[in-house]
Amino acid sequence: MKKNICIIGGSGFLGSHVSDQFSKFKNYNVTIFDKQKSKFLQKGQKMTVGDIMNFKQLKKTLVNKDYVFNFSGISQLDLALYQPYKTAKFNILGLINILEACNLNKVKHFIQASSIYSLSNDGGFYSCSKRAAEDYIKEFKKKYNLNYTILRYGSLYGPRADKNNGIYKIINYAIKNKKLVYEGSKSTRRNYISVEDASILSMKILNKKFQNKTLILKGRDSIKVLDLLNKLSKILKIEKKKIYFNENKHQLGHYIKRPDPYKIDEGQELYYEKKINFTQSIEKLVLSMKNAK
């Protein structure tokens, strides 16, 4: 029996690749839900143009869906840094709409595209929104028994990436200007993962053993950005002397070698100087409440 899958945000970079992976197999019916029609729509895929803030539309779209992937919301860290309201609106409130619609339609398994920034002090409002989203998903499991899998993606690259993608920006600038520029430290490292590998892994997690788990999808090797630029200089035939780092331009919100771990502030206890007798204060409260009747 065919399984019905809805991929919210399926017109985008990663979402479109995941959609295509499922369409390779005859036992899946793929529906894409996004604000604009996918430029990569494949034969057999259904397209619903809609907005995650429109709950009525979401609810209707998710009828009889077995699995729902969420790639929607603001995925650009640099954009989220300066737009806290918009980031919260789409990454948190939009997510809640999706979770509510999944619950009402008794979706079997919900899959969230999160980020390695979700448990980091780096990333600004983007990190905050991803962390809050994960908390809401887990709470929906407790309250409504909505099965989930959270996928924390690392640094993606590959076909269909937009102008905000890290590697795309470097290559695009190099092709146009015949030089390689990185706005950041020479010490920067990333565990790059190709979008093809990420989409294959995203499909494999539908196995029940991955239900209600949080998984990290990133490249096995930590690669220096300097080594990446050296590789690109050979591929693009650009002299190494035309590799530039803007060390003075701090990439606000971005990590250098690894995300700074998020640490919960335990808080400092503060007591009133005069110790209050708890028994006496309760007796006083009871008496005042009796006299008020």
Foldseek 3Di string as FASTA:
>chain_A
DAAEEEEEVLQADLNVLLQVVQVVDPRYQYEYEECDDHPNDDPRYHYDHDDLLPLVVLLVVCARHQEYEYPDADPQLVVCQPCLPRRCCCLPVSLVSNLVSCLVNVHAEYEYEAALLCFFPFRHSNNVSRVNSVVVVVVCCVVRVHKYEYEHEWQEDDPRHDCSRDVNVQLVCCVVPVFGEDAADQQAKGQYDYSNVVSVVVVVCVPPVRIPYYYYDGHPDIGGVLVVRVVVCVVVVRDPVRYYYNHVRHPGRDDGRHGHGHDDDPDDDDDDPDDDDPVVVVVVVVVVVVVVD
